[in-house]
Amino acid sequence: MAPGIDFLRNELGIDGRDLTLRWSGQISLTRRILAVNILALLLLAGGFFYLDSYRSRVVDNRVAQTAREARLIGEAIAAVDPAIRDPLVLRFARDTGSRIRLFDATGRTIVDSRALGLRNFVLMDPDKEDWDQTIARFLDAAIDVIVMAPRPPLYRERSGAQQWPDVAAVRGRSIVSTTVWRAPDRTPVLTAAAPLPIGGVVMTTVNARDITKTVRIERFRLSMVLLVVSIVSILLSLFLARTIVRPLRRLARAAVRVRLGRAREVVVPRLPSRRDELGMLARALSDMSLALRARIDATEAFAADVTHEMKNPLASLRSAVEGLSRVRDPALQAQLLEIVRDDVHRLDRLLSDISEASRLDAQLSRAKFEPVDIAAMIDGLVAQRDTRGVERGIRVVFDRNPDERTIILGEGARLERVFENLIDNALSFSPDTGLIAISVIAEHDELVIRVEDEGPGVPEEAREDVFKRFHSVRPDSETFGQHSGLGLAIARTIVDAHQGSIGVESREDRLCGARFVVRLPLAELPE
């Protein structure tokens, strides 16, 4: 595998394990953004439940206060002369805001602050209140249902002392009894009964509207805060959805059109103004679509070139075969058979090179790169040619520094094919008794390999064309059809897969001939 592939898989999560979504993967991104923000709002709405706890604590404190007041009132009434008892009851009723009643031992009412003319305990009729109070009562009931708060009994006047549970609870006992009731307008009513030291019971009744008013004011303030936060949160969610989801949808639509085979018509938006991850994604998809389009164009051009290159030997082969059926001269038949053999060999070589060129990208993408000593490889190639003998007296010289680092990461067999093609190309163009010089030198983080010959060289305007597929300019002395025109194209594909470069440069010595230069990244030294 090419260097960096494993890193990209880990960095980008190509295997998908770190991007797996379960149930949320079935929900659109817009709804997920809204859901996350609404969840935060629901947590804020939990403050309404805190208000219920606050109300319960206030009611408990008021119940305790009412019990103390009932006991103190009873003790004070028992300590004064009966002649001033009624004025004292009125004074206590005004100060505490409650209705005070005294019952004797038989349960008969002997004093009632209302009968004395003080009507400070009046229950509100909900049917006569404004609409805002109706909404407030509805919210009270809804929150009580949600938090499952205990529902106090409805307050109603009793005709006798024994019908009041607090009076019945304290009769004959030295305790104070309290009860929380519910008024028709859902405000709490507190009753408390305490025994009189002289016999009988004192009972106080108060409508604690201030508790409900305080809770409703706090709830209104919290509602306003929640409303403002909700509006801001929803607007932010829609903003995020607009800035994230809409570009993603555009990219998805463009990707679908590319998948449907209309890649030439699709312009994937690059979002140049965005410097975030979406901008990176858009530009990556755009580059990918352009690369795909270039690959499609290259494939079509390659197919057309293959067809064109195969037509020539096939036409020659067909002509020779047709001629064999008509020619009776043995010499001409032998000549035609030689043409058939040459064309078959040419087709075989052409098909082999085409097969290798078409599979090369896929094979290199799966290749496992290992340390390769380029100097040792070239030294071995030169030694093999010397052993076999080089035609036309051409000399192949390899120059290297034994102490120089020449190890790269790559696939040895493919790199060997690169330098074999370069040497073959140099041999083809070299004159008789010519010199082919090969050098290897490390420059910074690159290994530079130069292959020089003494042939006619490559014109500057054709230095890129020689690496195109089926581009074949051969020397006059070479028999037609010995090369497919794919050797240098295959070499460039292999070098590009190794993150290197190959090209033709001018010779520094100003001599005639071609110089092919290969640059490959050096392998990092182990620490």
Protein backbone atom coordinates (compact mmCIF):
# COMPACT_ATOMS: atom_id res chain seq x y z
CA MET A 1 0.00 0.00 0.00
CA ALA A 2 1.25 3.46 -0.87
CA PRO A 3 2.70 5.53 1.98
CA GLY A 4 0.12 7.61 3.74
CA ILE A 5 -2.84 5.35 2.88
CA ASP A 6 -3.01 3.87 6.36
CA PHE A 7 -2.74 7.36 7.85
CA LEU A 8 -5.57 8.63 5.65
CA ARG A 9 -7.74 5.68 6.62
CA ASN A 10 -7.21 6.43 10.30
CA GLU A 11 -7.47 10.19 9.91
CA LEU A 12 -10.56 10.24 7.74
CA GLY A 13 -12.28 7.20 9.19
CA ILE A 14 -12.61 5.44 5.85
CA ASP A 15 -13.67 2.23 7.53
CA GLY A 16 -16.63 4.16 9.00
CA ARG A 17 -16.43 2.75 12.52
CA ASP A 18 -16.01 6.19 14.12
CA LEU A 19 -18.86 7.63 12.01
CA THR A 20 -21.47 5.00 12.73
CA LEU A 21 -24.81 6.35 13.94
CA ARG A 22 -27.56 4.15 15.25
CA TRP A 23 -31.07 5.55 15.67
CA SER A 24 -30.01 9.16 14.99
CA GLY A 25 -28.67 8.15 11.58
CA GLN A 26 -32.28 7.86 10.39
CA ILE A 27 -33.07 11.52 11.21
CA SER A 28 -32.21 14.46 8.98
CA LEU A 29 -29.44 16.79 10.10
CA THR A 30 -31.83 19.74 10.38
CA ARG A 31 -34.08 17.87 12.78
CA ARG A 32 -31.11 16.71 14.80
CA ILE A 33 -29.85 20.27 15.21
CA LEU A 34 -33.31 21.38 16.31
CA ALA A 35 -33.63 18.39 18.65
CA VAL A 36 -30.33 19.14 20.39
CA ASN A 37 -31.27 22.78 20.96
CA ILE A 38 -34.80 21.93 22.05
CA LEU A 39 -33.38 19.42 24.53
CA ALA A 40 -31.38 22.24 26.09
CA LEU A 41 -34.58 24.29 26.27
CA LEU A 42 -36.38 21.43 27.97
CA LEU A 43 -33.66 21.36 30.60
CA LEU A 44 -34.24 25.09 31.09
CA ALA A 45 -37.97 24.45 31.32
CA GLY A 46 -37.22 22.23 34.30
CA GLY A 47 -37.16 25.49 36.24
CA PHE A 48 -40.97 25.28 36.34
CA PHE A 49 -40.61 22.14 38.42
CA TYR A 50 -38.25 23.97 40.71
CA LEU A 51 -40.98 26.59 41.19
CA ASP A 52 -43.32 23.86 42.40
CA SER A 53 -40.72 22.80 44.98
CA TYR A 54 -40.31 26.45 45.95
CA ARG A 55 -44.09 26.81 46.38
CA SER A 56 -44.21 23.72 48.58
CA ARG A 57 -41.52 25.11 50.87
CA VAL A 58 -43.29 28.47 51.13
CA VAL A 59 -46.60 26.76 51.95
CA ASP A 60 -44.92 24.62 54.61
CA ASN A 61 -43.38 27.72 56.20
CA ARG A 62 -46.73 29.52 56.13
CA VAL A 63 -48.47 26.51 57.72
CA ALA A 64 -45.94 26.52 60.54
CA GLN A 65 -46.43 30.27 60.96
CA THR A 66 -50.24 29.84 61.05
CA ALA A 67 -49.94 27.15 63.71
CA ARG A 68 -47.81 29.41 65.90
CA GLU A 69 -50.21 32.30 65.43
CA ALA A 70 -53.21 30.12 66.38
CA ARG A 71 -51.50 28.94 69.56
CA LEU A 72 -50.41 32.47 70.57
CA ILE A 73 -53.89 33.89 69.84
CA GLY A 74 -55.48 31.21 71.98
CA GLU A 75 -53.13 31.89 74.89
CA ALA A 76 -53.64 35.66 74.61
CA ILE A 77 -57.45 35.37 74.55
CA ALA A 78 -57.44 33.08 77.58
CA ALA A 79 -55.33 35.58 79.50
CA VAL A 80 -57.57 38.67 79.05
CA ASP A 81 -60.85 39.69 80.58
CA PRO A 82 -63.90 38.47 78.56
CA ALA A 83 -65.07 42.06 78.30
CA ILE A 84 -62.18 43.02 76.02
CA ARG A 85 -62.05 39.67 74.18
CA ASP A 86 -63.96 40.86 71.09
CA PRO A 87 -61.78 43.93 70.47
CA LEU A 88 -58.72 41.74 70.91
CA VAL A 89 -60.03 39.19 68.38
CA LEU A 90 -60.63 41.97 65.84
CA ARG A 91 -57.15 43.32 66.37
CA PHE A 92 -55.56 39.88 65.86
CA ALA A 93 -57.69 39.33 62.75
CA ARG A 94 -56.58 42.62 61.21
CA ASP A 95 -52.92 42.04 62.04
CA THR A 96 -52.77 38.47 60.73
CA GLY A 97 -55.20 38.93 57.82
CA SER A 98 -57.17 35.88 58.92
CA ARG A 99 -60.67 35.05 60.06
CA ILE A 100 -60.75 34.07 63.76
CA ARG A 101 -63.46 31.95 65.36
CA LEU A 102 -63.86 30.81 68.98
CA PHE A 103 -65.78 27.65 69.86
CA ASP A 104 -66.76 26.62 73.36
CA ALA A 105 -66.48 23.12 74.72
CA THR A 106 -69.80 22.09 73.13
CA GLY A 107 -68.76 23.35 69.66
CA ARG A 108 -70.92 26.43 69.71
CA THR A 109 -69.47 29.54 68.03
CA ILE A 110 -68.98 32.22 70.65
CA VAL A 111 -66.90 34.75 68.63
CA ASP A 112 -66.45 35.24 64.87
CA SER A 113 -64.39 38.12 63.44
CA ARG A 114 -66.72 38.24 60.42
CA ALA A 115 -69.75 38.62 62.71
CA LEU A 116 -67.89 41.46 64.39
CA GLY A 117 -67.85 43.30 61.04
CA LEU A 118 -64.38 42.44 59.69
CA ARG A 119 -64.62 40.76 56.26
CA ASN A 120 -60.94 40.21 55.51
CA PHE A 121 -61.42 36.58 54.40
CA VAL A 122 -63.19 36.65 51.03
CA LEU A 123 -62.75 33.94 48.36
CA MET A 124 -62.48 35.07 44.74
CA ASP A 125 -65.02 33.81 42.20
CA PRO A 126 -62.98 32.49 39.23
CA ASP A 127 -65.84 33.16 36.81
CA LYS A 128 -65.56 36.88 37.53
CA GLU A 129 -61.78 37.15 37.03
CA ASP A 130 -59.96 38.32 33.88
CA TRP A 131 -58.70 35.99 31.13
CA ASP A 132 -55.09 36.23 32.30
CA GLN A 133 -56.07 34.68 35.65
CA THR A 134 -57.87 31.90 33.78
CA ILE A 135 -54.66 31.13 31.87
CA ALA A 136 -52.70 31.25 35.12
CA ARG A 137 -55.05 28.74 36.78
CA PHE A 138 -54.77 26.47 33.73
CA LEU A 139 -50.98 26.57 33.96
CA ASP A 140 -51.17 25.85 37.70
CA ALA A 141 -53.31 22.79 37.04
CA ALA A 142 -51.07 21.59 34.17
CA ILE A 143 -47.87 21.88 36.19
CA ASP A 144 -49.50 20.16 39.18
CA VAL A 145 -50.42 17.25 36.90
CA ILE A 146 -46.91 17.07 35.40
CA VAL A 147 -45.09 17.13 38.72
CA MET A 148 -47.81 14.94 40.31
CA ALA A 149 -48.28 17.40 43.16
CA PRO A 150 -50.88 16.37 45.83
CA ARG A 151 -54.19 18.09 45.26
CA PRO A 152 -55.59 19.77 48.42
CA PRO A 153 -59.32 19.40 49.17
CA LEU A 154 -61.67 22.13 48.04
CA TYR A 155 -62.45 24.69 50.77
CA ARG A 156 -66.11 24.99 51.79
CA GLU A 157 -67.73 26.55 54.82
CA ARG A 158 -68.97 24.12 57.53
CA SER A 159 -72.11 24.67 59.61
CA GLY A 160 -70.75 23.28 62.88
CA ALA A 161 -67.46 23.16 64.73
CA GLN A 162 -67.32 19.35 64.63
CA GLN A 163 -67.30 19.41 60.82
CA TRP A 164 -63.92 21.18 60.78
CA PRO A 165 -61.20 18.50 60.90
CA ASP A 166 -58.78 20.76 62.75
CA VAL A 167 -61.29 21.54 65.52
CA ALA A 168 -62.13 17.87 65.89
CA ALA A 169 -58.42 16.98 66.02
CA VAL A 170 -57.52 19.35 68.87
CA ARG A 171 -60.63 18.91 71.06
CA GLY A 172 -59.52 17.62 74.41
CA ARG A 173 -55.89 17.58 73.33
CA SER A 174 -53.01 20.07 73.75
CA ILE A 175 -51.90 20.13 70.11
CA VAL A 176 -52.24 22.48 67.18
CA SER A 177 -53.77 21.10 63.95
CA THR A 178 -53.44 22.68 60.50
CA THR A 179 -54.90 21.91 57.07
CA VAL A 180 -54.17 23.22 53.57
CA TRP A 181 -57.25 23.71 51.41
CA ARG A 182 -57.79 24.75 47.81
CA ALA A 183 -59.88 27.80 47.04
CA PRO A 184 -62.06 27.91 43.87
CA ASP A 185 -59.42 30.13 42.22
CA ARG A 186 -56.70 27.54 43.12
CA THR A 187 -55.09 29.72 45.80
CA PRO A 188 -54.19 27.98 49.11
CA VAL A 189 -56.43 28.38 52.15
CA LEU A 190 -54.81 27.60 55.51
CA THR A 191 -56.76 26.68 58.62
CA ALA A 192 -55.27 26.15 62.07
CA ALA A 193 -56.93 25.17 65.37
CA ALA A 194 -55.45 25.43 68.88
CA PRO A 195 -57.02 24.55 72.27
CA LEU A 196 -57.95 27.35 74.67
CA PRO A 197 -56.56 26.97 78.22
CA ILE A 198 -60.01 27.93 79.57
CA GLY A 199 -61.70 25.31 77.41
CA GLY A 200 -62.85 25.49 73.81
CA VAL A 201 -60.97 25.95 70.53
CA VAL A 202 -59.70 28.92 68.51
CA MET A 203 -59.54 28.48 64.70
CA THR A 204 -57.89 30.81 62.19
CA THR A 205 -58.54 30.82 58.44
CA VAL A 206 -56.39 32.71 55.92
CA ASN A 207 -56.38 32.82 52.10
CA ALA A 208 -52.68 32.92 51.18
CA ARG A 209 -53.04 34.55 47.78
CA ASP A 210 -49.59 36.09 48.13
CA ILE A 211 -47.98 32.64 47.72
CA THR A 212 -49.75 32.01 44.43
CA LYS A 213 -49.02 35.54 43.27
CA THR A 214 -45.31 35.19 44.01
CA VAL A 215 -45.08 31.83 42.22
CA ARG A 216 -46.97 33.13 39.20
CA ILE A 217 -44.73 36.20 38.94
CA GLU A 218 -41.61 34.04 39.03
CA ARG A 219 -43.14 31.66 36.51
CA PHE A 220 -43.96 34.57 34.20
CA ARG A 221 -40.39 35.82 34.38
CA LEU A 222 -39.06 32.35 33.68
CA SER A 223 -41.52 32.02 30.80
CA MET A 224 -40.25 35.24 29.26
CA VAL A 225 -36.67 34.04 29.57
CA LEU A 226 -37.63 30.68 28.11
CA LEU A 227 -39.51 32.36 25.26
CA VAL A 228 -36.57 34.59 24.34
CA VAL A 229 -34.10 31.71 24.61
CA SER A 230 -36.41 29.50 22.52
CA ILE A 231 -36.66 32.10 19.76
CA VAL A 232 -32.89 32.63 19.75
CA SER A 233 -32.25 28.88 19.83
CA ILE A 234 -34.63 28.16 16.96
CA LEU A 235 -33.15 30.96 14.89
CA LEU A 236 -29.65 29.67 15.58
CA SER A 237 -30.77 26.15 14.68
CA LEU A 238 -32.24 27.36 11.40
CA PHE A 239 -29.05 29.35 10.76
CA LEU A 240 -26.93 26.26 11.38
CA ALA A 241 -29.24 24.18 9.21
CA ARG A 242 -28.99 26.79 6.44
CA THR A 243 -25.20 27.05 6.60
CA ILE A 244 -24.59 23.31 6.99
CA VAL A 245 -27.48 21.37 5.51
CA ARG A 246 -28.05 23.42 2.35
CA PRO A 247 -24.44 23.14 1.12
CA LEU A 248 -24.48 19.43 1.95
CA ARG A 249 -27.65 18.98 -0.09
CA ARG A 250 -26.10 20.80 -3.03
CA LEU A 251 -23.02 18.61 -2.83
CA ALA A 252 -25.17 15.49 -2.52
CA ARG A 253 -27.22 16.42 -5.60
CA ALA A 254 -24.04 17.05 -7.58
CA ALA A 255 -22.60 13.71 -6.41
CA VAL A 256 -25.79 11.93 -7.47
CA ARG A 257 -25.56 13.49 -10.94
CA VAL A 258 -21.96 12.34 -11.19
CA ARG A 259 -23.03 8.84 -10.15
CA LEU A 260 -25.76 8.82 -12.79
CA GLY A 261 -23.14 9.28 -15.47
CA ARG A 262 -23.49 12.97 -16.24
CA ALA A 263 -20.07 13.90 -14.90
CA ARG A 264 -19.28 16.15 -17.86
CA GLU A 265 -22.32 18.30 -17.17
CA VAL A 266 -21.89 18.59 -13.41
CA VAL A 267 -20.15 21.51 -11.75
CA VAL A 268 -19.57 20.61 -8.12
CA PRO A 269 -19.69 23.82 -6.03
CA ARG A 270 -16.29 24.56 -4.50
CA LEU A 271 -17.58 27.08 -1.89
CA PRO A 272 -14.38 29.16 -2.06
CA SER A 273 -15.56 31.62 0.59
CA ARG A 274 -15.86 28.91 3.24
CA ARG A 275 -12.72 27.98 5.18
CA ASP A 276 -14.38 25.39 7.40
CA GLU A 277 -14.79 21.63 7.02
CA LEU A 278 -17.67 22.08 4.56
CA GLY A 279 -15.44 24.16 2.33
CA MET A 280 -12.77 21.47 2.51
CA LEU A 281 -15.37 18.84 1.64
CA ALA A 282 -16.71 20.87 -1.29
CA ARG A 283 -13.27 21.43 -2.74
CA ALA A 284 -12.34 17.78 -2.21
CA LEU A 285 -15.50 16.65 -4.01
CA SER A 286 -14.88 19.14 -6.81
CA ASP A 287 -11.31 17.92 -7.23
CA MET A 288 -12.53 14.33 -7.11
CA SER A 289 -15.12 14.98 -9.83
CA LEU A 290 -12.49 16.73 -11.97
CA ALA A 291 -10.12 13.80 -11.46
CA LEU A 292 -12.93 11.42 -12.34
CA ARG A 293 -13.72 13.42 -15.44
CA ALA A 294 -10.03 13.39 -16.40
CA ARG A 295 -9.91 9.63 -15.76
CA ILE A 296 -12.98 9.12 -17.95
CA ASP A 297 -11.44 11.24 -20.69
CA ALA A 298 -8.16 9.35 -20.37
CA THR A 299 -9.99 6.03 -20.53
CA GLU A 300 -11.88 7.09 -23.64
CA ALA A 301 -8.71 8.39 -25.25
CA PHE A 302 -6.87 5.21 -24.27
CA ALA A 303 -9.60 3.07 -25.82
CA ALA A 304 -9.47 5.12 -29.00
CA ASP A 305 -5.68 4.87 -29.10
CA VAL A 306 -5.82 1.12 -28.51
CA THR A 307 -8.25 0.75 -31.39
CA HIS A 308 -6.06 2.86 -33.64
CA GLU A 309 -2.86 1.04 -32.70
CA MET A 310 -4.38 -2.40 -33.22
CA LYS A 311 -5.89 -1.56 -36.60
CA ASN A 312 -2.47 -1.23 -38.27
CA PRO A 313 -1.14 -4.71 -37.45
CA LEU A 314 -4.57 -6.23 -37.99
CA ALA A 315 -4.82 -4.61 -41.42
CA SER A 316 -1.34 -5.81 -42.29
CA LEU A 317 -2.15 -9.28 -40.97
CA ARG A 318 -5.38 -9.44 -42.97
CA SER A 319 -3.65 -8.37 -46.16
CA ALA A 320 -0.93 -10.98 -45.67
CA VAL A 321 -3.46 -13.75 -44.95
CA GLU A 322 -5.54 -12.81 -48.01
CA GLY A 323 -2.39 -12.75 -50.13
CA LEU A 324 -1.41 -16.24 -49.02
CA SER A 325 -4.54 -17.66 -50.65
CA ARG A 326 -3.63 -16.12 -54.01
CA VAL A 327 0.17 -16.29 -54.15
CA ARG A 328 1.77 -19.47 -55.51
CA ASP A 329 5.40 -18.34 -55.47
CA PRO A 330 7.15 -20.03 -52.48
CA ALA A 331 9.42 -17.02 -51.96
CA LEU A 332 6.47 -14.63 -51.77
CA GLN A 333 4.62 -17.04 -49.49
CA ALA A 334 7.61 -17.15 -47.14
CA GLN A 335 7.74 -13.35 -47.18
CA LEU A 336 4.03 -13.13 -46.35
CA LEU A 337 4.43 -15.69 -43.55
CA GLU A 338 7.24 -13.58 -42.11
CA ILE A 339 4.91 -10.57 -42.15
CA VAL A 340 2.23 -12.64 -40.40
CA ARG A 341 4.73 -13.70 -37.70
CA ASP A 342 5.89 -10.10 -37.20
CA ASP A 343 2.33 -8.83 -36.95
CA VAL A 344 1.37 -11.58 -34.48
CA HIS A 345 4.44 -10.77 -32.35
CA ARG A 346 3.60 -7.08 -32.59
CA LEU A 347 0.01 -7.72 -31.52
CA ASP A 348 1.17 -9.94 -28.67
CA ARG A 349 3.62 -7.27 -27.44
CA LEU A 350 1.01 -4.55 -27.87
CA LEU A 351 -1.66 -6.47 -25.97
CA SER A 352 0.79 -7.29 -23.16
CA ASP A 353 1.77 -3.62 -22.75
CA ILE A 354 -1.86 -2.49 -22.96
CA SER A 355 -2.87 -5.03 -20.32
CA GLU A 356 -0.09 -3.88 -18.01
CA ALA A 357 -0.85 -0.19 -18.55
CA SER A 358 -4.56 -0.66 -17.86
CA ARG A 359 -3.97 -2.62 -14.64
CA LEU A 360 -1.07 -0.56 -13.38
CA ASP A 361 -3.01 2.05 -11.35
CA ALA A 362 -5.11 -0.54 -9.54
CA GLN A 363 -2.09 -2.76 -8.80
CA LEU A 364 -0.02 0.13 -7.48
CA SER A 365 -2.87 1.29 -5.21
CA ARG A 366 -2.78 -2.13 -3.51
CA ALA A 367 0.99 -2.51 -3.50
CA LYS A 368 2.88 -2.71 -0.22
CA PHE A 369 5.89 -0.43 -0.31
CA GLU A 370 9.11 -1.67 1.22
CA PRO A 371 12.68 -0.27 1.46
CA VAL A 372 14.44 -0.52 -1.92
CA ASP A 373 18.10 0.30 -2.59
CA ILE A 374 17.94 2.04 -5.97
CA ALA A 375 21.71 2.06 -6.44
CA ALA A 376 21.93 -1.70 -5.90
CA MET A 377 18.99 -2.23 -8.27
CA ILE A 378 20.53 -0.20 -11.10
CA ASP A 379 23.91 -1.81 -10.48
CA GLY A 380 22.27 -5.22 -10.94
CA LEU A 381 20.50 -4.15 -14.15
CA VAL A 382 23.75 -2.83 -15.64
CA ALA A 383 25.59 -6.01 -14.63
CA GLN A 384 22.92 -8.19 -16.31
CA ARG A 385 23.24 -6.25 -19.58
CA ASP A 386 27.01 -6.49 -19.49
CA THR A 387 26.68 -10.26 -19.00
CA ARG A 388 24.28 -10.60 -21.96
CA GLY A 389 26.29 -8.19 -24.04
CA VAL A 390 25.21 -4.81 -25.34
CA GLU A 391 24.58 -4.54 -29.06
CA ARG A 392 26.44 -2.19 -31.37
CA GLY A 393 29.28 -1.73 -28.91
CA ILE A 394 27.31 0.67 -26.73
CA ARG A 395 28.73 1.18 -23.24
CA VAL A 396 26.53 1.51 -20.14
CA VAL A 397 28.28 3.23 -17.21
CA PHE A 398 26.83 3.57 -13.71
CA ASP A 399 28.20 6.27 -11.40
CA ARG A 400 27.38 6.31 -7.69
CA ASN A 401 28.83 7.25 -4.33
CA PRO A 402 29.03 4.11 -2.14
CA ASP A 403 28.57 6.17 1.05
CA GLU A 404 25.44 7.97 -0.15
CA ARG A 405 21.99 7.02 1.08
CA THR A 406 19.96 5.61 -1.84
CA ILE A 407 17.08 3.78 -0.13
CA ILE A 408 13.47 4.68 -0.88
CA LEU A 409 10.08 3.14 -0.08
CA GLY A 410 8.55 1.44 -3.09
CA GLU A 411 7.85 -1.74 -5.01
CA GLY A 412 11.08 -3.10 -6.40
CA ALA A 413 9.68 -4.93 -9.43
CA ARG A 414 7.82 -1.86 -10.69
CA LEU A 415 10.77 0.47 -10.17
CA GLU A 416 12.99 -2.00 -11.97
CA ARG A 417 10.62 -1.76 -14.95
CA VAL A 418 11.06 2.03 -14.95
CA PHE A 419 14.84 1.90 -15.27
CA GLU A 420 14.72 -0.98 -17.76
CA ASN A 421 12.46 1.15 -19.98
CA LEU A 422 14.80 4.13 -19.67
CA ILE A 423 17.85 2.05 -20.49
CA ASP A 424 16.06 0.40 -23.45
CA ASN A 425 15.02 3.81 -24.69
CA ALA A 426 18.59 5.11 -24.39
CA LEU A 427 19.94 2.03 -26.22
CA SER A 428 17.49 2.56 -29.07
CA PHE A 429 18.63 6.12 -29.74
CA SER A 430 22.33 5.74 -28.95
CA PRO A 431 24.72 5.65 -31.89
CA ASP A 432 27.14 2.77 -32.38
CA THR A 433 29.83 2.66 -29.67
CA GLY A 434 27.89 5.37 -27.85
CA LEU A 435 27.90 5.95 -24.10
CA ILE A 436 24.96 5.69 -21.71
CA ALA A 437 25.71 7.31 -18.35
CA ILE A 438 23.58 6.55 -15.29
CA SER A 439 24.09 8.49 -12.05
CA VAL A 440 22.42 8.42 -8.63
CA ILE A 441 22.74 11.27 -6.16
CA ALA A 442 20.83 12.38 -3.05
CA GLU A 443 19.65 15.99 -3.09
CA HIS A 444 17.96 17.16 0.10
CA ASP A 445 15.13 14.66 0.70
CA GLU A 446 15.10 13.31 -2.84
CA LEU A 447 17.02 10.69 -4.73
CA VAL A 448 17.83 11.91 -8.25
CA ILE A 449 18.56 9.34 -10.98
CA ARG A 450 19.80 10.57 -14.37
CA VAL A 451 19.99 8.49 -17.54
CA GLU A 452 21.93 10.20 -20.36
CA ASP A 453 22.65 9.03 -23.90
CA GLU A 454 24.43 10.45 -26.94
CA GLY A 455 21.49 10.17 -29.32
CA PRO A 456 19.66 12.95 -31.14
CA GLY A 457 17.95 14.10 -27.94
CA VAL A 458 14.38 15.20 -27.36
CA PRO A 459 13.16 18.56 -28.72
CA GLU A 460 11.99 20.89 -26.00
CA GLU A 461 8.44 21.07 -27.39
CA ALA A 462 8.16 17.25 -27.32
CA ARG A 463 9.47 16.63 -23.80
CA GLU A 464 5.98 16.05 -22.41
CA ASP A 465 4.60 14.25 -25.43
CA VAL A 466 7.09 11.39 -25.10
CA PHE A 467 5.31 10.32 -21.89
CA LYS A 468 1.91 10.06 -23.57
CA ARG A 469 0.50 6.64 -24.37
CA PHE A 470 1.25 5.32 -27.86
CA HIS A 471 3.47 8.29 -28.60
CA SER A 472 6.37 6.60 -30.31
CA VAL A 473 9.15 8.37 -32.17
CA ARG A 474 11.71 5.68 -33.02
CA PRO A 475 15.09 5.93 -34.71
CA ASP A 476 15.28 5.21 -38.43
CA SER A 477 17.48 2.18 -37.90
CA GLU A 478 14.88 0.40 -35.77
CA THR A 479 12.41 -2.00 -37.35
CA PHE A 480 8.82 -0.68 -37.28
CA GLY A 481 6.59 -2.16 -34.58
CA GLN A 482 9.28 -3.25 -32.14
CA HIS A 483 7.87 -0.89 -29.46
CA SER A 484 4.29 -0.19 -28.46
CA GLY A 485 4.83 3.42 -27.42
CA LEU A 486 3.75 2.65 -23.82
CA GLY A 487 7.15 2.25 -22.13
CA LEU A 488 7.65 5.85 -20.99
CA ALA A 489 3.93 6.24 -20.15
CA ILE A 490 4.17 3.17 -17.90
CA ALA A 491 7.35 4.58 -16.34
CA ARG A 492 5.64 7.88 -15.49
CA THR A 493 2.64 6.08 -13.97
CA ILE A 494 4.93 4.02 -11.72
CA VAL A 495 6.99 7.04 -10.66
CA ASP A 496 3.86 9.12 -9.93
CA ALA A 497 2.55 6.30 -7.73
CA HIS A 498 5.77 6.55 -5.70
CA GLN A 499 5.19 10.31 -5.15
CA GLY A 500 8.07 11.07 -7.51
CA SER A 501 8.54 12.74 -10.88
CA ILE A 502 10.10 11.91 -14.22
CA GLY A 503 10.97 14.26 -17.02
CA VAL A 504 13.41 15.27 -19.73
CA GLU A 505 16.00 17.96 -18.99
CA SER A 506 18.72 19.68 -20.94
CA ARG A 507 22.21 18.32 -20.52
CA GLU A 508 24.50 20.60 -18.53
CA ASP A 509 27.53 19.67 -20.68
CA ARG A 510 25.77 21.02 -23.79
CA LEU A 511 26.43 17.77 -25.60
CA CYS A 512 23.85 16.16 -27.81
CA GLY A 513 21.65 13.45 -26.43
CA ALA A 514 18.75 13.08 -24.04
CA ARG A 515 18.72 13.21 -20.26
CA PHE A 516 15.87 11.53 -18.41
CA VAL A 517 15.68 12.49 -14.74
CA VAL A 518 13.76 10.52 -12.09
CA ARG A 519 13.20 12.03 -8.65
CA LEU A 520 11.99 9.82 -5.79
CA PRO A 521 11.52 10.71 -2.10
CA LEU A 522 14.17 9.20 0.15
CA ALA A 523 13.06 6.91 2.96
CA GLU A 524 13.28 8.42 6.43
CA LEU A 525 16.12 7.14 8.55
CA PRO A 526 15.07 5.20 11.68
CA GLU A 527 15.67 7.10 14.91
